[in-house]
Every structure is written in structure tokens, then in C-alpha cells.
Amino acid sequence: MTGTGAIVRGREGTILLTPVPANGQVALVSNARGRRIAATVDWGDGTRPTSGEGAGTSEDSFQVSGTHAYDEDGTYRITVTITDNRGSELVVLSEAQIADPPDALNQALDRAEDGG
């Protein structure tokens, strides 16, 4: 198996989804013909890792995707660990680039936190 990382982009406080606000693909696994895979995604922000979803893109490739919401803007290293039914393990590094929400949303969140 070989893997390719991805760069996902999103906004603080918004779940990464396909297709909006960001593609949730966090890794692409190739040379995996005849294998079943399981994936774990460490989002790089100190939260508990989650299971990734594996979907076949061809006879020997899988796309690993997931959803996650970051509490703060910034750049995060995503570590995707893929294991297969043959006992092989592959680690793929990806990146999340998270921006502040739009000003209008920031103002609404501030008002909600202030109780008004």
C-alpha cells in the first residue's frame, strides 16, 4: 500500500464535510487491490482520534475521509493510520488549514457568548 496526503480547508467551528466548506478527504490509499482497510484519523488538535471512512475509488485505491470541527483557526497536522486485513499499517500525513469564520458569524457568536 502507498498513501498520499491531502490539504483540507475549512473554518473555525464548522464541520469539515464534502463538498462545503471543505472536502473531507484526508488520504488516498493506492496499491491496495484485494484489501479491506480500516482508518483512524488524529486531527492534530488534541481531540480524540476518530474512525475514517474508506471508500473505493478504483479496483486498487481507497479514499479516506472524515468529519471534524476545529475550535480554533490555524494549521494542523492530520495523521491518518490505515491498517489492512493482511496486517500492514500505513501512516499518511495531511494538513488542515482552518480560517476564522466570516465577521458576521464571529459577531453572532460573540453576542451568543455574551448572553445577548
PDB file of N, CA and C in Angstrom:
ATOM      1  N   MET A   1       0.850  -1.176   0.000  1.00  0.00           N
ATOM      2  CA  MET A   1       0.000   0.000   0.000  1.00  0.00           C
ATOM      3  C   MET A   1       0.890   1.232   0.000  1.00  0.00           C
ATOM      4  N   THR A   2       0.431   2.244  -0.670  1.00  0.00           N
ATOM      5  CA  THR A   2       1.060   3.554  -0.634  1.00  0.00           C
ATOM      6  C   THR A   2      -0.017   4.581  -0.359  1.00  0.00           C
ATOM      7  N   GLY A   3       0.373   5.729   0.166  1.00  0.00           N
ATOM      8  CA  GLY A   3      -0.616   6.738   0.508  1.00  0.00           C
ATOM      9  C   GLY A   3      -0.200   8.127   0.105  1.00  0.00           C
ATOM     10  N   THR A   4      -1.190   8.959  -0.113  1.00  0.00           N
ATOM     11  CA  THR A   4      -0.989  10.351  -0.454  1.00  0.00           C
ATOM     12  C   THR A   4      -1.836  11.194   0.497  1.00  0.00           C
ATOM     13  N   GLY A   5      -1.224  12.212   1.082  1.00  0.00           N
ATOM     14  CA  GLY A   5      -1.936  13.107   1.985  1.00  0.00           C
ATOM     15  C   GLY A   5      -2.734  14.143   1.212  1.00  0.00           C
ATOM     16  N   ALA A   6      -3.459  14.956   1.951  1.00  0.00           N
ATOM     17  CA  ALA A   6      -4.299  15.985   1.350  1.00  0.00           C
ATOM     18  C   ALA A   6      -4.226  17.246   2.199  1.00  0.00           C
ATOM     19  N   ILE A   7      -4.617  18.346   1.609  1.00  0.00           N
ATOM     20  CA  ILE A   7      -4.793  19.589   2.354  1.00  0.00           C
ATOM     21  C   ILE A   7      -6.288  19.882   2.371  1.00  0.00           C
ATOM     22  N   VAL A   8      -6.852  19.971   3.561  1.00  0.00           N
ATOM     23  CA  VAL A   8      -8.265  20.329   3.687  1.00  0.00           C
ATOM     24  C   VAL A   8      -8.346  21.745   4.225  1.00  0.00           C
ATOM     25  N   ARG A   9      -9.340  22.462   3.795  1.00  0.00           N
ATOM     26  CA  ARG A   9      -9.530  23.838   4.239  1.00  0.00           C
ATOM     27  C   ARG A   9     -10.927  23.983   4.819  1.00  0.00           C
ATOM     28  N   GLY A  10     -11.031  24.742   5.858  1.00  0.00           N
ATOM     29  CA  GLY A  10     -12.324  24.963   6.470  1.00  0.00           C
ATOM     30  C   GLY A  10     -12.305  26.201   7.332  1.00  0.00           C
ATOM     31  N   ARG A  11     -13.349  26.345   8.120  1.00  0.00           N
ATOM     32  CA  ARG A  11     -13.481  27.499   9.008  1.00  0.00           C
ATOM     33  C   ARG A  11     -13.648  27.021  10.441  1.00  0.00           C
ATOM     34  N   GLU A  12     -13.126  27.802  11.345  1.00  0.00           N
ATOM     35  CA  GLU A  12     -13.228  27.528  12.772  1.00  0.00           C
ATOM     36  C   GLU A  12     -14.686  27.298  13.159  1.00  0.00           C
ATOM     37  N   GLY A  13     -14.939  26.217  13.921  1.00  0.00           N
ATOM     38  CA  GLY A  13     -16.277  25.940  14.421  1.00  0.00           C
ATOM     39  C   GLY A  13     -17.219  25.308  13.422  1.00  0.00           C
ATOM     40  N   THR A  14     -16.745  25.034  12.208  1.00  0.00           N
ATOM     41  CA  THR A  14     -17.585  24.449  11.169  1.00  0.00           C
ATOM     42  C   THR A  14     -17.056  23.064  10.833  1.00  0.00           C
ATOM     43  N   ILE A  15     -17.923  22.085  10.777  1.00  0.00           N
ATOM     44  CA  ILE A  15     -17.509  20.710  10.483  1.00  0.00           C
ATOM     45  C   ILE A  15     -17.008  20.602   9.055  1.00  0.00           C
ATOM     46  N   LEU A  16     -15.878  19.911   8.891  1.00  0.00           N
ATOM     47  CA  LEU A  16     -15.349  19.635   7.561  1.00  0.00           C
ATOM     48  C   LEU A  16     -16.221  18.567   6.906  1.00  0.00           C
ATOM     49  N   LEU A  17     -16.825  18.900   5.810  1.00  0.00           N
ATOM     50  CA  LEU A  17     -17.699  17.979   5.087  1.00  0.00           C
ATOM     51  C   LEU A  17     -17.430  18.073   3.591  1.00  0.00           C
ATOM     52  N   THR A  18     -17.954  17.122   2.848  1.00  0.00           N
ATOM     53  CA  THR A  18     -17.937  17.219   1.397  1.00  0.00           C
ATOM     54  C   THR A  18     -19.310  17.695   0.972  1.00  0.00           C
ATOM     55  N   PRO A  19     -19.503  18.646   0.105  1.00  0.00           N
ATOM     56  CA  PRO A  19     -18.468  19.453  -0.532  1.00  0.00           C
ATOM     57  C   PRO A  19     -18.238  20.794   0.148  1.00  0.00           C
ATOM     58  N   VAL A  20     -19.059  21.181   1.110  1.00  0.00           N
ATOM     59  CA  VAL A  20     -18.924  22.508   1.708  1.00  0.00           C
ATOM     60  C   VAL A  20     -18.759  22.346   3.211  1.00  0.00           C
ATOM     61  N   PRO A  21     -17.866  23.023   3.891  1.00  0.00           N
ATOM     62  CA  PRO A  21     -16.965  24.049   3.396  1.00  0.00           C
ATOM     63  C   PRO A  21     -15.657  23.502   2.867  1.00  0.00           C
ATOM     64  N   ALA A  22     -15.377  22.227   3.089  1.00  0.00           N
ATOM     65  CA  ALA A  22     -14.117  21.667   2.606  1.00  0.00           C
ATOM     66  C   ALA A  22     -14.323  20.206   2.271  1.00  0.00           C
ATOM     67  N   ASN A  23     -13.512  19.712   1.381  1.00  0.00           N
ATOM     68  CA  ASN A  23     -13.536  18.298   1.059  1.00  0.00           C
ATOM     69  C   ASN A  23     -13.015  17.538   2.274  1.00  0.00           C
ATOM     70  N   GLY A  24     -13.737  16.541   2.722  1.00  0.00           N
ATOM     71  CA  GLY A  24     -13.343  15.781   3.891  1.00  0.00           C
ATOM     72  C   GLY A  24     -12.325  14.700   3.618  1.00  0.00           C
ATOM     73  N   GLN A  25     -11.790  14.606   2.373  1.00  0.00           N
ATOM     74  CA  GLN A  25     -10.783  13.594   2.073  1.00  0.00           C
ATOM     75  C   GLN A  25      -9.493  13.916   2.801  1.00  0.00           C
ATOM     76  N   VAL A  26      -9.007  12.972   3.603  1.00  0.00           N
ATOM     77  CA  VAL A  26      -7.780  13.199   4.345  1.00  0.00           C
ATOM     78  C   VAL A  26      -6.630  12.325   3.858  1.00  0.00           C
ATOM     79  N   ALA A  27      -6.897  11.325   3.008  1.00  0.00           N
ATOM     80  CA  ALA A  27      -5.832  10.481   2.464  1.00  0.00           C
ATOM     81  C   ALA A  27      -6.363   9.683   1.282  1.00  0.00           C
ATOM     82  N   LEU A  28      -5.437   9.321   0.394  1.00  0.00           N
ATOM     83  CA  LEU A  28      -5.743   8.429  -0.719  1.00  0.00           C
ATOM     84  C   LEU A  28      -4.780   7.260  -0.620  1.00  0.00           C
ATOM     85  N   VAL A  29      -5.301   6.036  -0.621  1.00  0.00           N
ATOM     86  CA  VAL A  29      -4.503   4.823  -0.499  1.00  0.00           C
ATOM     87  C   VAL A  29      -4.516   4.115  -1.848  1.00  0.00           C
ATOM     88  N   SER A  30      -3.313   3.831  -2.369  1.00  0.00           N
ATOM     89  CA  SER A  30      -3.183   3.138  -3.649  1.00  0.00           C
ATOM     90  C   SER A  30      -2.520   1.789  -3.440  1.00  0.00           C
ATOM     91  N   ASN A  31      -2.497   0.982  -4.494  1.00  0.00           N
ATOM     92  CA  ASN A  31      -1.882  -0.350  -4.456  1.00  0.00           C
ATOM     93  C   ASN A  31      -2.488  -1.211  -3.355  1.00  0.00           C
ATOM     94  N   ALA A  32      -3.805  -1.147  -3.236  1.00  0.00           N
ATOM     95  CA  ALA A  32      -4.495  -1.865  -2.159  1.00  0.00           C
ATOM     96  C   ALA A  32      -5.472  -2.900  -2.711  1.00  0.00           C
ATOM     97  N   ARG A  33      -5.216  -3.402  -3.902  1.00  0.00           N
ATOM     98  CA  ARG A  33      -6.117  -4.372  -4.527  1.00  0.00           C
ATOM     99  C   ARG A  33      -6.348  -5.581  -3.615  1.00  0.00           C
ATOM    100  N   GLY A  34      -7.618  -5.925  -3.433  1.00  0.00           N
ATOM    101  CA  GLY A  34      -7.987  -7.090  -2.647  1.00  0.00           C
ATOM    102  C   GLY A  34      -7.880  -6.905  -1.141  1.00  0.00           C
ATOM    103  N   ARG A  35      -7.661  -5.709  -0.694  1.00  0.00           N
ATOM    104  CA  ARG A  35      -7.515  -5.465   0.745  1.00  0.00           C
ATOM    105  C   ARG A  35      -8.750  -4.764   1.296  1.00  0.00           C
ATOM    106  N   ARG A  36      -9.044  -5.048   2.534  1.00  0.00           N
ATOM    107  CA  ARG A  36     -10.038  -4.281   3.279  1.00  0.00           C
ATOM    108  C   ARG A  36      -9.248  -3.397   4.227  1.00  0.00           C
ATOM    109  N   ILE A  37      -9.672  -2.156   4.348  1.00  0.00           N
ATOM    110  CA  ILE A  37      -8.909  -1.234   5.185  1.00  0.00           C
ATOM    111  C   ILE A  37      -9.761  -0.674   6.319  1.00  0.00           C
ATOM    112  N   ALA A  38      -9.062  -0.264   7.358  1.00  0.00           N
ATOM    113  CA  ALA A  38      -9.663   0.491   8.460  1.00  0.00           C
ATOM    114  C   ALA A  38      -8.742   1.683   8.682  1.00  0.00           C
ATOM    115  N   ALA A  39      -9.315   2.825   9.009  1.00  0.00           N
ATOM    116  CA  ALA A  39      -8.507   4.033   9.174  1.00  0.00           C
ATOM    117  C   ALA A  39      -8.865   4.751  10.471  1.00  0.00           C
ATOM    118  N   THR A  40      -7.843   5.326  11.087  1.00  0.00           N
ATOM    119  CA  THR A  40      -8.007   6.172  12.256  1.00  0.00           C
ATOM    120  C   THR A  40      -7.400   7.529  11.928  1.00  0.00           C
ATOM    121  N   VAL A  41      -8.117   8.592  12.262  1.00  0.00           N
ATOM    122  CA  VAL A  41      -7.667   9.950  11.937  1.00  0.00           C
ATOM    123  C   VAL A  41      -7.405  10.718  13.229  1.00  0.00           C
ATOM    124  N   ASP A  42      -6.149  11.143  13.407  1.00  0.00           N
ATOM    125  CA  ASP A  42      -5.777  12.046  14.501  1.00  0.00           C
ATOM    126  C   ASP A  42      -5.752  13.435  13.884  1.00  0.00           C
ATOM    127  N   TRP A  43      -6.657  14.292  14.331  1.00  0.00           N
ATOM    128  CA  TRP A  43      -6.866  15.598  13.712  1.00  0.00           C
ATOM    129  C   TRP A  43      -5.823  16.641  14.098  1.00  0.00           C
ATOM    130  N   GLY A  44      -4.928  16.325  15.025  1.00  0.00           N
ATOM    131  CA  GLY A  44      -3.817  17.205  15.347  1.00  0.00           C
ATOM    132  C   GLY A  44      -4.138  18.360  16.278  1.00  0.00           C
ATOM    133  N   ASP A  45      -5.319  18.340  16.881  1.00  0.00           N
ATOM    134  CA  ASP A  45      -5.701  19.446  17.771  1.00  0.00           C
ATOM    135  C   ASP A  45      -5.909  19.003  19.212  1.00  0.00           C
ATOM    136  N   GLY A  46      -5.440  17.810  19.551  1.00  0.00           N
ATOM    137  CA  GLY A  46      -5.562  17.332  20.924  1.00  0.00           C
ATOM    138  C   GLY A  46      -6.859  16.602  21.229  1.00  0.00           C
ATOM    139  N   THR A  47      -7.780  16.541  20.276  1.00  0.00           N
ATOM    140  CA  THR A  47      -9.013  15.792  20.488  1.00  0.00           C
ATOM    141  C   THR A  47      -8.759  14.312  20.238  1.00  0.00           C
ATOM    142  N   ARG A  48      -9.684  13.489  20.664  1.00  0.00           N
ATOM    143  CA  ARG A  48      -9.562  12.039  20.496  1.00  0.00           C
ATOM    144  C   ARG A  48      -9.637  11.677  19.005  1.00  0.00           C
ATOM    145  N   PRO A  49      -8.747  10.780  18.534  1.00  0.00           N
ATOM    146  CA  PRO A  49      -8.821  10.339  17.135  1.00  0.00           C
ATOM    147  C   PRO A  49     -10.183   9.704  16.828  1.00  0.00           C
ATOM    148  N   THR A  50     -10.575   9.770  15.563  1.00  0.00           N
ATOM    149  CA  THR A  50     -11.844   9.199  15.119  1.00  0.00           C
ATOM    150  C   THR A  50     -11.596   8.199  14.001  1.00  0.00           C
ATOM    151  N   SER A  51     -12.610   7.411  13.706  1.00  0.00           N
ATOM    152  CA  SER A  51     -12.525   6.470  12.587  1.00  0.00           C
ATOM    153  C   SER A  51     -12.694   7.215  11.282  1.00  0.00           C
ATOM    154  N   GLY A  52     -11.897   6.846  10.305  1.00  0.00           N
ATOM    155  CA  GLY A  52     -12.047   7.402   8.968  1.00  0.00           C
ATOM    156  C   GLY A  52     -12.941   6.492   8.139  1.00  0.00           C
ATOM    157  N   GLU A  53     -13.571   7.056   7.148  1.00  0.00           N
ATOM    158  CA  GLU A  53     -14.425   6.299   6.235  1.00  0.00           C
ATOM    159  C   GLU A  53     -13.622   5.956   4.996  1.00  0.00           C
ATOM    160  N   GLY A  54     -13.537   4.674   4.656  1.00  0.00           N
ATOM    161  CA  GLY A  54     -12.837   4.246   3.445  1.00  0.00           C
ATOM    162  C   GLY A  54     -13.829   3.946   2.345  1.00  0.00           C
ATOM    163  N   ALA A  55     -13.616   4.532   1.184  1.00  0.00           N
ATOM    164  CA  ALA A  55     -14.486   4.295   0.029  1.00  0.00           C
ATOM    165  C   ALA A  55     -13.604   4.003  -1.181  1.00  0.00           C
ATOM    166  N   GLY A  56     -13.918   2.944  -1.892  1.00  0.00           N
ATOM    167  CA  GLY A  56     -13.148   2.588  -3.070  1.00  0.00           C
ATOM    168  C   GLY A  56     -13.299   3.618  -4.171  1.00  0.00           C
ATOM    169  N   THR A  57     -12.175   3.984  -4.791  1.00  0.00           N
ATOM    170  CA  THR A  57     -12.203   4.907  -5.924  1.00  0.00           C
ATOM    171  C   THR A  57     -11.847   4.185  -7.220  1.00  0.00           C
ATOM    172  N   SER A  58     -11.275   2.996  -7.096  1.00  0.00           N
ATOM    173  CA  SER A  58     -10.968   2.128  -8.227  1.00  0.00           C
ATOM    174  C   SER A  58     -10.753   0.730  -7.670  1.00  0.00           C
ATOM    175  N   GLU A  59     -10.311  -0.195  -8.497  1.00  0.00           N
ATOM    176  CA  GLU A  59     -10.119  -1.565  -8.016  1.00  0.00           C
ATOM    177  C   GLU A  59      -9.019  -1.685  -6.978  1.00  0.00           C
ATOM    178  N   ASP A  60      -8.061  -0.754  -6.994  1.00  0.00           N
ATOM    179  CA  ASP A  60      -6.973  -0.876  -6.014  1.00  0.00           C
ATOM    180  C   ASP A  60      -6.720   0.393  -5.214  1.00  0.00           C
ATOM    181  N   SER A  61      -7.669   1.333  -5.191  1.00  0.00           N
ATOM    182  CA  SER A  61      -7.479   2.570  -4.443  1.00  0.00           C
ATOM    183  C   SER A  61      -8.674   2.870  -3.542  1.00  0.00           C
ATOM    184  N   PHE A  62      -8.373   3.518  -2.417  1.00  0.00           N
ATOM    185  CA  PHE A  62      -9.385   3.937  -1.458  1.00  0.00           C
ATOM    186  C   PHE A  62      -9.173   5.397  -1.112  1.00  0.00           C
ATOM    187  N   GLN A  63     -10.258   6.095  -0.906  1.00  0.00           N
ATOM    188  CA  GLN A  63     -10.228   7.448  -0.365  1.00  0.00           C
ATOM    189  C   GLN A  63     -10.633   7.342   1.095  1.00  0.00           C
ATOM    190  N   VAL A  64      -9.874   7.964   1.977  1.00  0.00           N
ATOM    191  CA  VAL A  64     -10.219   8.010   3.397  1.00  0.00           C
ATOM    192  C   VAL A  64     -10.715   9.420   3.691  1.00  0.00           C
ATOM    193  N   SER A  65     -11.899   9.509   4.280  1.00  0.00           N
ATOM    194  CA  SER A  65     -12.447  10.819   4.612  1.00  0.00           C
ATOM    195  C   SER A  65     -12.984  10.797   6.038  1.00  0.00           C
ATOM    196  N   GLY A  66     -13.255  11.978   6.539  1.00  0.00           N
ATOM    197  CA  GLY A  66     -13.791  12.105   7.883  1.00  0.00           C
ATOM    198  C   GLY A  66     -14.368  13.483   8.080  1.00  0.00           C
ATOM    199  N   THR A  67     -15.043  13.658   9.191  1.00  0.00           N
ATOM    200  CA  THR A  67     -15.589  14.967   9.536  1.00  0.00           C
ATOM    201  C   THR A  67     -15.037  15.373  10.892  1.00  0.00           C
ATOM    202  N   HIS A  68     -14.820  16.667  11.039  1.00  0.00           N
ATOM    203  CA  HIS A  68     -14.259  17.185  12.277  1.00  0.00           C
ATOM    204  C   HIS A  68     -14.491  18.687  12.318  1.00  0.00           C
ATOM    205  N   ALA A  69     -14.668  19.243  13.493  1.00  0.00           N
ATOM    206  CA  ALA A  69     -14.770  20.695  13.666  1.00  0.00           C
ATOM    207  C   ALA A  69     -13.606  21.149  14.545  1.00  0.00           C
ATOM    208  N   TYR A  70     -12.865  22.122  14.072  1.00  0.00           N
ATOM    209  CA  TYR A  70     -11.770  22.708  14.840  1.00  0.00           C
ATOM    210  C   TYR A  70     -12.298  23.901  15.631  1.00  0.00           C
ATOM    211  N   ASP A  71     -11.868  24.015  16.885  1.00  0.00           N
ATOM    212  CA  ASP A  71     -12.313  25.109  17.748  1.00  0.00           C
ATOM    213  C   ASP A  71     -11.543  26.403  17.507  1.00  0.00           C
ATOM    214  N   GLU A  72     -10.359  26.295  16.934  1.00  0.00           N
ATOM    215  CA  GLU A  72      -9.515  27.474  16.710  1.00  0.00           C
ATOM    216  C   GLU A  72      -8.979  27.456  15.287  1.00  0.00           C
ATOM    217  N   ASP A  73      -8.750  28.659  14.748  1.00  0.00           N
ATOM    218  CA  ASP A  73      -8.125  28.738  13.437  1.00  0.00           C
ATOM    219  C   ASP A  73      -6.662  28.343  13.552  1.00  0.00           C
ATOM    220  N   GLY A  74      -6.040  27.997  12.439  1.00  0.00           N
ATOM    221  CA  GLY A  74      -4.630  27.624  12.434  1.00  0.00           C
ATOM    222  C   GLY A  74      -4.383  26.500  11.442  1.00  0.00           C
ATOM    223  N   THR A  75      -3.154  26.027  11.433  1.00  0.00           N
ATOM    224  CA  THR A  75      -2.757  24.914  10.573  1.00  0.00           C
ATOM    225  C   THR A  75      -2.492  23.712  11.471  1.00  0.00           C
ATOM    226  N   TYR A  76      -3.070  22.580  11.116  1.00  0.00           N
ATOM    227  CA  TYR A  76      -2.984  21.372  11.924  1.00  0.00           C
ATOM    228  C   TYR A  76      -2.449  20.216  11.082  1.00  0.00           C
ATOM    229  N   ARG A  77      -1.595  19.380  11.690  1.00  0.00           N
ATOM    230  CA  ARG A  77      -1.115  18.170  11.022  1.00  0.00           C
ATOM    231  C   ARG A  77      -2.092  17.041  11.325  1.00  0.00           C
ATOM    232  N   ILE A  78      -2.636  16.447  10.279  1.00  0.00           N
ATOM    233  CA  ILE A  78      -3.554  15.317  10.407  1.00  0.00           C
ATOM    234  C   ILE A  78      -2.756  14.041  10.165  1.00  0.00           C
ATOM    235  N   THR A  79      -2.860  13.086  11.079  1.00  0.00           N
ATOM    236  CA  THR A  79      -2.179  11.802  10.924  1.00  0.00           C
ATOM    237  C   THR A  79      -3.236  10.732  10.698  1.00  0.00           C
ATOM    238  N   VAL A  80      -3.170  10.096   9.535  1.00  0.00           N
ATOM    239  CA  VAL A  80      -4.122   9.047   9.180  1.00  0.00           C
ATOM    240  C   VAL A  80      -3.388   7.711   9.235  1.00  0.00           C
ATOM    241  N   THR A  81      -3.855   6.808  10.090  1.00  0.00           N
ATOM    242  CA  THR A  81      -3.257   5.483  10.214  1.00  0.00           C
ATOM    243  C   THR A  81      -4.205   4.477   9.566  1.00  0.00           C
ATOM    244  N   ILE A  82      -3.695   3.776   8.554  1.00  0.00           N
ATOM    245  CA  ILE A  82      -4.505   2.823   7.794  1.00  0.00           C
ATOM    246  C   ILE A  82      -3.957   1.428   8.039  1.00  0.00           C
ATOM    247  N   THR A  83      -4.832   0.513   8.410  1.00  0.00           N
ATOM    248  CA  THR A  83      -4.447  -0.887   8.554  1.00  0.00           C
ATOM    249  C   THR A  83      -5.292  -1.708   7.596  1.00  0.00           C
ATOM    250  N   ASP A  84      -4.726  -2.822   7.151  1.00  0.00           N
ATOM    251  CA  ASP A  84      -5.483  -3.674   6.233  1.00  0.00           C
ATOM    252  C   ASP A  84      -5.645  -5.067   6.800  1.00  0.00           C
ATOM    253  N   ASN A  85      -6.411  -5.878   6.089  1.00  0.00           N
ATOM    254  CA  ASN A  85      -6.717  -7.233   6.544  1.00  0.00           C
ATOM    255  C   ASN A  85      -5.508  -8.160   6.487  1.00  0.00           C
ATOM    256  N   ARG A  86      -4.379  -7.705   5.961  1.00  0.00           N
ATOM    257  CA  ARG A  86      -3.151  -8.504   5.903  1.00  0.00           C
ATOM    258  C   ARG A  86      -2.184  -8.140   7.014  1.00  0.00           C
ATOM    259  N   GLY A  87      -2.584  -7.210   7.882  1.00  0.00           N
ATOM    260  CA  GLY A  87      -1.740  -6.809   8.998  1.00  0.00           C
ATOM    261  C   GLY A  87      -0.768  -5.687   8.679  1.00  0.00           C
ATOM    262  N   SER A  88      -0.851  -5.117   7.490  1.00  0.00           N
ATOM    263  CA  SER A  88       0.020  -3.997   7.131  1.00  0.00           C
ATOM    264  C   SER A  88      -0.534  -2.702   7.706  1.00  0.00           C
ATOM    265  N   GLU A  89       0.367  -1.774   8.013  1.00  0.00           N
ATOM    266  CA  GLU A  89      -0.031  -0.462   8.516  1.00  0.00           C
ATOM    267  C   GLU A  89       0.662   0.607   7.687  1.00  0.00           C
ATOM    268  N   LEU A  90      -0.066   1.661   7.391  1.00  0.00           N
ATOM    269  CA  LEU A  90       0.437   2.784   6.617  1.00  0.00           C
ATOM    270  C   LEU A  90       0.040   4.067   7.330  1.00  0.00           C
ATOM    271  N   VAL A  91       0.978   4.999   7.484  1.00  0.00           N
ATOM    272  CA  VAL A  91       0.689   6.296   8.098  1.00  0.00           C
ATOM    273  C   VAL A  91       0.822   7.358   7.005  1.00  0.00           C
ATOM    274  N   VAL A  92      -0.226   8.170   6.853  1.00  0.00           N
ATOM    275  CA  VAL A  92      -0.246   9.237   5.858  1.00  0.00           C
ATOM    276  C   VAL A  92      -0.452  10.560   6.597  1.00  0.00           C
ATOM    277  N   LEU A  93       0.370  11.559   6.256  1.00  0.00           N
ATOM    278  CA  LEU A  93       0.259  12.878   6.872  1.00  0.00           C
ATOM    279  C   LEU A  93      -0.478  13.812   5.937  1.00  0.00           C
ATOM    280  N   SER A  94      -1.440  14.514   6.488  1.00  0.00           N
ATOM    281  CA  SER A  94      -2.205  15.515   5.753  1.00  0.00           C
ATOM    282  C   SER A  94      -2.195  16.801   6.562  1.00  0.00           C
ATOM    283  N   GLU A  95      -2.861  17.821   6.060  1.00  0.00           N
ATOM    284  CA  GLU A  95      -2.866  19.113   6.738  1.00  0.00           C
ATOM    285  C   GLU A  95      -4.246  19.743   6.661  1.00  0.00           C
ATOM    286  N   ALA A  96      -4.644  20.388   7.756  1.00  0.00           N
ATOM    287  CA  ALA A  96      -5.879  21.173   7.778  1.00  0.00           C
ATOM    288  C   ALA A  96      -5.503  22.638   7.940  1.00  0.00           C
ATOM    289  N   GLN A  97      -6.029  23.461   7.054  1.00  0.00           N
ATOM    290  CA  GLN A  97      -5.822  24.903   7.135  1.00  0.00           C
ATOM    291  C   GLN A  97      -7.172  25.514   7.495  1.00  0.00           C
ATOM    292  N   ILE A  98      -7.278  25.993   8.726  1.00  0.00           N
ATOM    293  CA  ILE A  98      -8.553  26.452   9.268  1.00  0.00           C
ATOM    294  C   ILE A  98      -8.521  27.964   9.454  1.00  0.00           C
ATOM    295  N   ALA A  99      -9.501  28.630   8.875  1.00  0.00           N
ATOM    296  CA  ALA A  99      -9.593  30.091   8.938  1.00  0.00           C
ATOM    297  C   ALA A  99     -10.647  30.496   9.965  1.00  0.00           C
ATOM    298  N   ASP A 100     -10.575  31.761  10.370  1.00  0.00           N
ATOM    299  CA  ASP A 100     -11.628  32.328  11.212  1.00  0.00           C
ATOM    300  C   ASP A 100     -12.942  32.317  10.440  1.00  0.00           C
ATOM    301  N   PRO A 101     -14.082  32.221  11.145  1.00  0.00           N
ATOM    302  CA  PRO A 101     -15.364  32.335  10.455  1.00  0.00           C
ATOM    303  C   PRO A 101     -15.541  33.752   9.905  1.00  0.00           C
ATOM    304  N   PRO A 102     -16.473  33.956   8.981  1.00  0.00           N
ATOM    305  CA  PRO A 102     -16.726  35.312   8.477  1.00  0.00           C
ATOM    306  C   PRO A 102     -17.102  36.249   9.627  1.00  0.00           C
ATOM    307  N   ASP A 103     -16.856  37.552   9.453  1.00  0.00           N
ATOM    308  CA  ASP A 103     -17.113  38.548  10.501  1.00  0.00           C
ATOM    309  C   ASP A 103     -18.535  38.490  11.050  1.00  0.00           C
ATOM    310  N   ALA A 104     -19.519  38.312  10.185  1.00  0.00           N
ATOM    311  CA  ALA A 104     -20.914  38.278  10.652  1.00  0.00           C
ATOM    312  C   ALA A 104     -21.131  37.110  11.609  1.00  0.00           C
ATOM    313  N   LEU A 105     -20.544  35.965  11.311  1.00  0.00           N
ATOM    314  CA  LEU A 105     -20.687  34.809  12.190  1.00  0.00           C
ATOM    315  C   LEU A 105     -19.941  35.059  13.497  1.00  0.00           C
ATOM    316  N   ASN A 106     -18.746  35.640  13.419  1.00  0.00           N
ATOM    317  CA  ASN A 106     -17.998  35.977  14.638  1.00  0.00           C
ATOM    318  C   ASN A 106     -18.821  36.888  15.546  1.00  0.00           C
ATOM    319  N   GLN A 107     -19.457  37.897  14.963  1.00  0.00           N
ATOM    320  CA  GLN A 107     -20.269  38.822  15.763  1.00  0.00           C
ATOM    321  C   GLN A 107     -21.445  38.108  16.407  1.00  0.00           C
ATOM    322  N   ALA A 108     -22.100  37.208  15.670  1.00  0.00           N
ATOM    323  CA  ALA A 108     -23.228  36.449  16.224  1.00  0.00           C
ATOM    324  C   ALA A 108     -22.759  35.541  17.353  1.00  0.00           C
ATOM    325  N   LEU A 109     -21.598  34.898  17.177  1.00  0.00           N
ATOM    326  CA  LEU A 109     -21.066  34.032  18.234  1.00  0.00           C
ATOM    327  C   LEU A 109     -20.712  34.846  19.470  1.00  0.00           C
ATOM    328  N   ASP A 110     -20.109  36.024  19.274  1.00  0.00           N
ATOM    329  CA  ASP A 110     -19.787  36.888  20.412  1.00  0.00           C
ATOM    330  C   ASP A 110     -21.051  37.292  21.175  1.00  0.00           C
ATOM    331  N   ARG A 111     -22.115  37.653  20.431  1.00  0.00           N
ATOM    332  CA  ARG A 111     -23.369  38.035  21.091  1.00  0.00           C
ATOM    333  C   ARG A 111     -23.949  36.866  21.869  1.00  0.00           C
ATOM    334  N   ALA A 112     -23.882  35.674  21.299  1.00  0.00           N
ATOM    335  CA  ALA A 112     -24.424  34.485  21.977  1.00  0.00           C
ATOM    336  C   ALA A 112     -23.624  34.197  23.261  1.00  0.00           C
ATOM    337  N   GLU A 113     -22.307  34.337  23.195  1.00  0.00           N
ATOM    338  CA  GLU A 113     -21.480  34.089  24.383  1.00  0.00           C
ATOM    339  C   GLU A 113     -21.741  35.141  25.466  1.00  0.00           C
ATOM    340  N   ASP A 114     -22.069  36.361  25.043  1.00  0.00           N
ATOM    341  CA  ASP A 114     -22.345  37.431  25.982  1.00  0.00           C
ATOM    342  C   ASP A 114     -23.774  37.385  26.537  1.00  0.00           C
ATOM    343  N   GLY A 115     -24.567  36.421  26.047  1.00  0.00           N
ATOM    344  CA  GLY A 115     -25.932  36.279  26.512  1.00  0.00           C
ATOM    345  C   GLY A 115     -26.894  37.228  25.849  1.00  0.00           C
ATOM    346  N   GLY A 116     -26.508  37.841  24.742  1.00  0.00           N
ATOM    347  CA  GLY A 116     -27.407  38.797  24.115  1.00  0.00           C
ATOM    348  C   GLY A 116     -27.500  38.535  22.711  1.00  0.00           C
TER     349      GLY A 116
END
